[in-house]
Amino acid sequence: MGDSKRRKDSLGEKYGQEGNIYSWLPIKKSQAEQFVNWSTRGAWLGIGVLVVYWVMVRLIGPGLGWWQVN
């Protein structure tokens, strides 16, 4: 008997269903992967916003007369 059949017999109804990351944490593995993908996109978006803000403050602002230092 192969390992797959043995696992299917031992798990019964739960065979083929996605498991949790930890038994005490009700988050599936695909949900954790989605969270990582979304947080990575959010981090890159934040970096982009920071760069745009830096360009405005550093280059455009002084050119328009903002934040004049005497």
Protein backbone atom coordinates (compact mmCIF):
# COMPACT_ATOMS: atom_id res chain seq x y z
CA MET A 1 0.00 0.00 0.00
CA GLY A 2 1.40 3.36 -1.01
CA ASP A 3 1.97 6.30 1.28
CA SER A 4 -0.77 8.30 -0.41
CA LYS A 5 -3.41 5.63 0.21
CA ARG A 6 -2.25 5.19 3.79
CA ARG A 7 -2.51 8.94 4.37
CA LYS A 8 -5.96 9.02 2.75
CA ASP A 9 -7.18 6.19 4.98
CA SER A 10 -5.82 7.79 8.14
CA LEU A 11 -7.17 11.30 7.41
CA GLY A 12 -10.57 10.24 6.08
CA GLU A 13 -12.74 13.30 5.39
CA LYS A 14 -9.87 15.74 5.94
CA TYR A 15 -7.80 14.27 3.08
CA GLY A 16 -7.06 16.88 0.41
CA GLN A 17 -8.23 19.80 2.52
CA GLU A 18 -5.87 22.63 3.24
CA GLY A 19 -4.42 22.66 6.73
CA ASN A 20 -3.84 25.49 9.13
CA ILE A 21 -0.42 27.00 9.73
CA TYR A 22 -0.63 25.95 13.37
CA SER A 23 -3.33 23.82 14.96
CA TRP A 24 -4.26 26.62 17.37
CA LEU A 25 -4.25 29.39 14.72
CA PRO A 26 -7.29 29.41 12.39
CA ILE A 27 -5.38 30.73 9.37
CA LYS A 28 -4.90 28.58 6.28
CA LYS A 29 -1.61 28.42 4.43
CA SER A 30 -3.05 30.13 1.33
CA GLN A 31 -4.39 32.98 3.50
CA ALA A 32 -0.92 33.51 4.96
CA GLU A 33 0.53 33.59 1.45
CA GLN A 34 -2.07 36.16 0.37
CA PHE A 35 -1.19 38.30 3.39
CA VAL A 36 2.48 38.23 2.45
CA ASN A 37 1.66 39.22 -1.13
CA TRP A 38 -0.57 42.12 -0.04
CA SER A 39 1.90 43.37 2.56
CA THR A 40 4.71 43.27 -0.02
CA ARG A 41 2.61 45.33 -2.43
CA GLY A 42 1.77 47.76 0.35
CA ALA A 43 5.43 48.13 1.28
CA TRP A 44 6.39 48.92 -2.32
CA LEU A 45 3.52 51.40 -2.56
CA GLY A 46 4.76 53.09 0.64
CA ILE A 47 8.28 53.27 -0.75
CA GLY A 48 6.95 54.86 -3.94
CA VAL A 49 4.96 57.44 -1.97
CA LEU A 50 8.03 58.23 0.13
CA VAL A 51 10.15 58.76 -3.00
CA VAL A 52 7.53 61.06 -4.53
CA TYR A 53 7.31 63.02 -1.28
CA TRP A 54 11.11 63.29 -1.08
CA VAL A 55 11.29 64.57 -4.67
CA MET A 56 8.64 67.18 -3.89
CA VAL A 57 10.34 68.39 -0.72
CA ARG A 58 13.93 68.21 -1.97
CA LEU A 59 13.66 69.37 -5.57
CA ILE A 60 10.31 70.94 -6.39
CA GLY A 61 9.74 72.73 -3.08
CA PRO A 62 12.89 74.89 -3.10
CA GLY A 63 12.34 75.67 -6.77
CA LEU A 64 8.93 77.12 -5.98
CA GLY A 65 10.20 79.09 -2.99
CA TRP A 66 8.88 76.81 -0.24
CA TRP A 67 10.92 76.26 2.90
CA GLN A 68 13.32 79.09 2.27
CA VAL A 69 16.33 79.00 4.56
CA ASN A 70 17.91 82.37 5.37
